[in-house]
């Protein structure tokens, strides 16, 4: 449709839509956005790590430090999350070895050897397997037992030592 007004020509824009078409377009975008978001991110696990519920299990207490673990899914496989609660009034260095129970072994010692971390008074733990602040506190099954695809069913701390940190 062309309208002549003196020397100007007014033409409707190609992006002109009726109110019904705009409303329908908004509804489609709103409904498709979660699907597009999920397909754009590789979520191989039911909940993002920040939303994961971890069922912490007390394993032992050594030198005033309570040691906990939780077994959960992480990127499609099992992983062990570690938590330490330093009840002392000073920082300590905690060292330990890891022992796993899997579908093939009752007491498989972890591949990582002796692990160490400085723990300030209070709790320290990880619940995010994508971006852990303390990587030593997240043990994916592939890092624990690299010789086969392990499904971890139980965990124990071994040879735990707690020393006052300098």
C-alpha atoms as a PDB file:
ATOM      1  CA  UNK A   1       0.000   0.000   0.000  1.00  0.00           C
ATOM      2  CA  UNK A   2       1.470   3.320  -1.047  1.00  0.00           C
ATOM      3  CA  UNK A   3       0.262   6.641   0.220  1.00  0.00           C
ATOM      4  CA  UNK A   4       1.394   9.819  -1.430  1.00  0.00           C
ATOM      5  CA  UNK A   5       1.544  12.910   0.690  1.00  0.00           C
ATOM      6  CA  UNK A   6       3.128  15.751  -1.107  1.00  0.00           C
ATOM      7  CA  UNK A   7       6.614  14.389  -1.811  1.00  0.00           C
ATOM      8  CA  UNK A   8       6.734  11.549   0.747  1.00  0.00           C
ATOM      9  CA  UNK A   9       5.903   7.911   0.215  1.00  0.00           C
ATOM     10  CA  UNK A  10       4.759   5.984   3.314  1.00  0.00           C
ATOM     11  CA  UNK A  11       5.068   2.200   3.144  1.00  0.00           C
ATOM     12  CA  UNK A  12       4.377  -0.253   5.981  1.00  0.00           C
ATOM     13  CA  UNK A  13       7.499  -1.943   7.362  1.00  0.00           C
ATOM     14  CA  UNK A  14       8.235  -5.564   6.499  1.00  0.00           C
ATOM     15  CA  UNK A  15       8.382  -6.239  10.259  1.00  0.00           C
ATOM     16  CA  UNK A  16       4.825  -5.057  10.852  1.00  0.00           C
ATOM     17  CA  UNK A  17       2.797  -7.741  12.657  1.00  0.00           C
ATOM     18  CA  UNK A  18      -0.679  -7.726  14.044  1.00  0.00           C
ATOM     19  CA  UNK A  19      -1.245  -7.957  17.782  1.00  0.00           C
ATOM     20  CA  UNK A  20      -2.314 -11.633  17.466  1.00  0.00           C
ATOM     21  CA  UNK A  21       0.897 -12.570  15.620  1.00  0.00           C
ATOM     22  CA  UNK A  22       3.055 -10.733  18.208  1.00  0.00           C
ATOM     23  CA  UNK A  23       1.288 -12.490  21.076  1.00  0.00           C
ATOM     24  CA  UNK A  24       1.703 -15.882  19.416  1.00  0.00           C
ATOM     25  CA  UNK A  25       5.388 -15.199  18.771  1.00  0.00           C
ATOM     26  CA  UNK A  26       5.982 -14.251  22.417  1.00  0.00           C
ATOM     27  CA  UNK A  27       4.224 -17.421  23.628  1.00  0.00           C
ATOM     28  CA  UNK A  28       6.335 -19.619  21.328  1.00  0.00           C
ATOM     29  CA  UNK A  29       9.578 -17.961  22.487  1.00  0.00           C
ATOM     30  CA  UNK A  30       8.653 -18.331  26.153  1.00  0.00           C
ATOM     31  CA  UNK A  31       7.763 -21.998  25.712  1.00  0.00           C
ATOM     32  CA  UNK A  32      10.858 -22.851  23.674  1.00  0.00           C
ATOM     33  CA  UNK A  33      13.451 -20.941  25.721  1.00  0.00           C
ATOM     34  CA  UNK A  34      13.959 -23.635  28.425  1.00  0.00           C
ATOM     35  CA  UNK A  35      14.353 -26.298  25.748  1.00  0.00           C
ATOM     36  CA  UNK A  36      16.865 -24.205  23.832  1.00  0.00           C
ATOM     37  CA  UNK A  37      18.779 -23.408  27.014  1.00  0.00           C
ATOM     38  CA  UNK A  38      18.986 -27.062  28.059  1.00  0.00           C
ATOM     39  CA  UNK A  39      20.094 -28.243  24.635  1.00  0.00           C
ATOM     40  CA  UNK A  40      22.752 -25.524  24.464  1.00  0.00           C
ATOM     41  CA  UNK A  41      24.369 -26.679  27.707  1.00  0.00           C
ATOM     42  CA  UNK A  42      25.628 -30.216  28.191  1.00  0.00           C
ATOM     43  CA  UNK A  43      23.660 -31.229  31.264  1.00  0.00           C
ATOM     44  CA  UNK A  44      24.380 -34.926  31.699  1.00  0.00           C
ATOM     45  CA  UNK A  45      23.080 -34.996  35.234  1.00  0.00           C
ATOM     46  CA  UNK A  46      19.636 -34.342  36.668  1.00  0.00           C
ATOM     47  CA  UNK A  47      20.429 -31.188  38.668  1.00  0.00           C
ATOM     48  CA  UNK A  48      23.089 -28.583  38.263  1.00  0.00           C
ATOM     49  CA  UNK A  49      25.784 -28.985  40.887  1.00  0.00           C
ATOM     50  CA  UNK A  50      24.761 -25.922  42.824  1.00  0.00           C
ATOM     51  CA  UNK A  51      21.289 -27.454  43.272  1.00  0.00           C
ATOM     52  CA  UNK A  52      22.513 -30.931  44.142  1.00  0.00           C
ATOM     53  CA  UNK A  53      21.434 -32.363  47.477  1.00  0.00           C
ATOM     54  CA  UNK A  54      24.310 -34.174  49.153  1.00  0.00           C
ATOM     55  CA  UNK A  55      23.615 -36.718  51.867  1.00  0.00           C
ATOM     56  CA  UNK A  56      26.683 -36.205  54.079  1.00  0.00           C
ATOM     57  CA  UNK A  57      27.878 -39.288  55.986  1.00  0.00           C
ATOM     58  CA  UNK A  58      30.163 -38.936  59.007  1.00  0.00           C
ATOM     59  CA  UNK A  59      33.178 -41.235  58.535  1.00  0.00           C
ATOM     60  CA  UNK A  60      35.489 -40.455  61.470  1.00  0.00           C
ATOM     61  CA  UNK A  61      36.959 -37.740  63.683  1.00  0.00           C
ATOM     62  CA  UNK A  62      40.742 -37.315  63.926  1.00  0.00           C
ATOM     63  CA  UNK A  63      42.617 -34.597  65.854  1.00  0.00           C
ATOM     64  CA  UNK A  64      39.543 -32.419  66.265  1.00  0.00           C
ATOM     65  CA  UNK A  65      38.533 -32.637  62.599  1.00  0.00           C
ATOM     66  CA  UNK A  66      35.289 -34.357  61.622  1.00  0.00           C
ATOM     67  CA  UNK A  67      35.516 -36.081  58.225  1.00  0.00           C
ATOM     68  CA  UNK A  68      32.446 -36.561  56.038  1.00  0.00           C
ATOM     69  CA  UNK A  69      31.720 -37.812  52.535  1.00  0.00           C
ATOM     70  CA  UNK A  70      28.775 -37.904  50.150  1.00  0.00           C
ATOM     71  CA  UNK A  71      28.375 -40.009  47.013  1.00  0.00           C
ATOM     72  CA  UNK A  72      26.437 -38.421  44.189  1.00  0.00           C
ATOM     73  CA  UNK A  73      26.212 -38.096  40.420  1.00  0.00           C
ATOM     74  CA  UNK A  74      28.639 -35.796  38.664  1.00  0.00           C
ATOM     75  CA  UNK A  75      28.649 -35.394  34.883  1.00  0.00           C
ATOM     76  CA  UNK A  76      26.876 -38.707  34.338  1.00  0.00           C
ATOM     77  CA  UNK A  77      29.061 -40.806  36.676  1.00  0.00           C
ATOM     78  CA  UNK A  78      29.453 -41.306  40.388  1.00  0.00           C
ATOM     79  CA  UNK A  79      31.715 -39.090  42.474  1.00  0.00           C
ATOM     80  CA  UNK A  80      32.677 -38.646  46.101  1.00  0.00           C
ATOM     81  CA  UNK A  81      32.354 -35.200  47.668  1.00  0.00           C
ATOM     82  CA  UNK A  82      34.396 -34.590  50.822  1.00  0.00           C
ATOM     83  CA  UNK A  83      33.687 -32.314  53.777  1.00  0.00           C
ATOM     84  CA  UNK A  84      35.859 -31.508  56.796  1.00  0.00           C
ATOM     85  CA  UNK A  85      34.825 -29.679  59.945  1.00  0.00           C
ATOM     86  CA  UNK A  86      37.787 -28.322  61.906  1.00  0.00           C
ATOM     87  CA  UNK A  87      36.619 -28.022  65.534  1.00  0.00           C
ATOM     88  CA  UNK A  88      40.023 -26.648  66.602  1.00  0.00           C
ATOM     89  CA  UNK A  89      40.645 -22.926  67.126  1.00  0.00           C
ATOM     90  CA  UNK A  90      43.602 -22.971  64.729  1.00  0.00           C
ATOM     91  CA  UNK A  91      44.208 -24.061  61.123  1.00  0.00           C
ATOM     92  CA  UNK A  92      45.316 -27.630  60.544  1.00  0.00           C
ATOM     93  CA  UNK A  93      46.839 -29.607  57.698  1.00  0.00           C
ATOM     94  CA  UNK A  94      44.853 -32.756  57.005  1.00  0.00           C
ATOM     95  CA  UNK A  95      46.331 -35.584  54.924  1.00  0.00           C
ATOM     96  CA  UNK A  96      44.617 -38.816  53.923  1.00  0.00           C
ATOM     97  CA  UNK A  97      44.303 -41.648  51.435  1.00  0.00           C
ATOM     98  CA  UNK A  98      41.036 -42.735  49.859  1.00  0.00           C
ATOM     99  CA  UNK A  99      39.480 -46.200  49.781  1.00  0.00           C
ATOM    100  CA  UNK A 100      36.477 -46.944  47.572  1.00  0.00           C
ATOM    101  CA  UNK A 101      33.953 -49.744  47.382  1.00  0.00           C
ATOM    102  CA  UNK A 102      32.862 -50.318  43.791  1.00  0.00           C
ATOM    103  CA  UNK A 103      30.946 -52.908  41.819  1.00  0.00           C
ATOM    104  CA  UNK A 104      34.211 -54.856  41.344  1.00  0.00           C
ATOM    105  CA  UNK A 105      36.189 -54.258  44.554  1.00  0.00           C
ATOM    106  CA  UNK A 106      35.430 -53.981  48.272  1.00  0.00           C
ATOM    107  CA  UNK A 107      38.501 -51.885  49.211  1.00  0.00           C
ATOM    108  CA  UNK A 108      40.081 -50.229  46.180  1.00  0.00           C
ATOM    109  CA  UNK A 109      42.699 -47.687  47.239  1.00  0.00           C
ATOM    110  CA  UNK A 110      42.389 -44.477  45.275  1.00  0.00           C
ATOM    111  CA  UNK A 111      44.762 -43.711  42.454  1.00  0.00           C
ATOM    112  CA  UNK A 112      45.602 -40.230  43.783  1.00  0.00           C
ATOM    113  CA  UNK A 113      47.860 -41.344  46.664  1.00  0.00           C
ATOM    114  CA  UNK A 114      48.141 -39.109  49.732  1.00  0.00           C
ATOM    115  CA  UNK A 115      46.074 -35.925  49.573  1.00  0.00           C
ATOM    116  CA  UNK A 116      46.550 -32.810  51.705  1.00  0.00           C
ATOM    117  CA  UNK A 117      44.635 -29.644  52.469  1.00  0.00           C
ATOM    118  CA  UNK A 118      44.834 -26.803  54.986  1.00  0.00           C
ATOM    119  CA  UNK A 119      41.557 -26.458  56.891  1.00  0.00           C
ATOM    120  CA  UNK A 120      40.760 -23.264  58.769  1.00  0.00           C
ATOM    121  CA  UNK A 121      38.490 -23.506  61.855  1.00  0.00           C
ATOM    122  CA  UNK A 122      34.970 -24.385  60.674  1.00  0.00           C
ATOM    123  CA  UNK A 123      33.698 -26.375  57.695  1.00  0.00           C
ATOM    124  CA  UNK A 124      35.208 -26.788  54.266  1.00  0.00           C
ATOM    125  CA  UNK A 125      33.482 -28.795  51.540  1.00  0.00           C
ATOM    126  CA  UNK A 126      32.593 -28.963  47.872  1.00  0.00           C
ATOM    127  CA  UNK A 127      29.216 -29.483  46.231  1.00  0.00           C
ATOM    128  CA  UNK A 128      30.072 -28.356  42.691  1.00  0.00           C
ATOM    129  CA  UNK A 129      31.801 -30.848  40.416  1.00  0.00           C
ATOM    130  CA  UNK A 130      32.089 -28.396  37.497  1.00  0.00           C
ATOM    131  CA  UNK A 131      34.062 -25.603  39.195  1.00  0.00           C
ATOM    132  CA  UNK A 132      35.322 -26.839  42.560  1.00  0.00           C
ATOM    133  CA  UNK A 133      37.223 -24.323  44.664  1.00  0.00           C
ATOM    134  CA  UNK A 134      39.059 -27.166  46.401  1.00  0.00           C
ATOM    135  CA  UNK A 135      39.615 -29.810  43.717  1.00  0.00           C
ATOM    136  CA  UNK A 136      41.008 -32.302  46.224  1.00  0.00           C
ATOM    137  CA  UNK A 137      37.529 -32.461  47.824  1.00  0.00           C
ATOM    138  CA  UNK A 138      35.801 -33.815  44.685  1.00  0.00           C
ATOM    139  CA  UNK A 139      36.752 -37.286  43.465  1.00  0.00           C
ATOM    140  CA  UNK A 140      35.084 -38.406  40.214  1.00  0.00           C
ATOM    141  CA  UNK A 141      35.002 -42.186  39.781  1.00  0.00           C
ATOM    142  CA  UNK A 142      37.291 -41.962  36.751  1.00  0.00           C
ATOM    143  CA  UNK A 143      39.971 -40.240  38.826  1.00  0.00           C
ATOM    144  CA  UNK A 144      39.536 -42.644  41.738  1.00  0.00           C
ATOM    145  CA  UNK A 145      39.704 -45.896  39.751  1.00  0.00           C
ATOM    146  CA  UNK A 146      41.031 -45.205  36.231  1.00  0.00           C
ATOM    147  CA  UNK A 147      41.245 -48.872  35.166  1.00  0.00           C
ATOM    148  CA  UNK A 148      37.490 -49.411  34.705  1.00  0.00           C
ATOM    149  CA  UNK A 149      34.215 -47.484  34.774  1.00  0.00           C
ATOM    150  CA  UNK A 150      33.623 -47.562  38.504  1.00  0.00           C
ATOM    151  CA  UNK A 151      30.329 -47.079  40.257  1.00  0.00           C
ATOM    152  CA  UNK A 152      31.225 -46.004  43.780  1.00  0.00           C
ATOM    153  CA  UNK A 153      28.973 -47.403  46.494  1.00  0.00           C
ATOM    154  CA  UNK A 154      31.005 -46.604  49.618  1.00  0.00           C
ATOM    155  CA  UNK A 155      34.006 -44.532  50.723  1.00  0.00           C
ATOM    156  CA  UNK A 156      36.490 -44.472  53.614  1.00  0.00           C
ATOM    157  CA  UNK A 157      39.301 -42.161  54.658  1.00  0.00           C
ATOM    158  CA  UNK A 158      42.550 -44.063  55.326  1.00  0.00           C
ATOM    159  CA  UNK A 159      45.754 -43.067  57.176  1.00  0.00           C
ATOM    160  CA  UNK A 160      44.364 -39.690  58.252  1.00  0.00           C
ATOM    161  CA  UNK A 161      46.780 -37.311  59.967  1.00  0.00           C
ATOM    162  CA  UNK A 162      45.988 -33.882  61.387  1.00  0.00           C
ATOM    163  CA  UNK A 163      48.801 -31.462  62.203  1.00  0.00           C
ATOM    164  CA  UNK A 164      48.725 -27.845  63.307  1.00  0.00           C
ATOM    165  CA  UNK A 165      49.384 -25.701  60.224  1.00  0.00           C
ATOM    166  CA  UNK A 166      52.278 -23.237  60.278  1.00  0.00           C
END
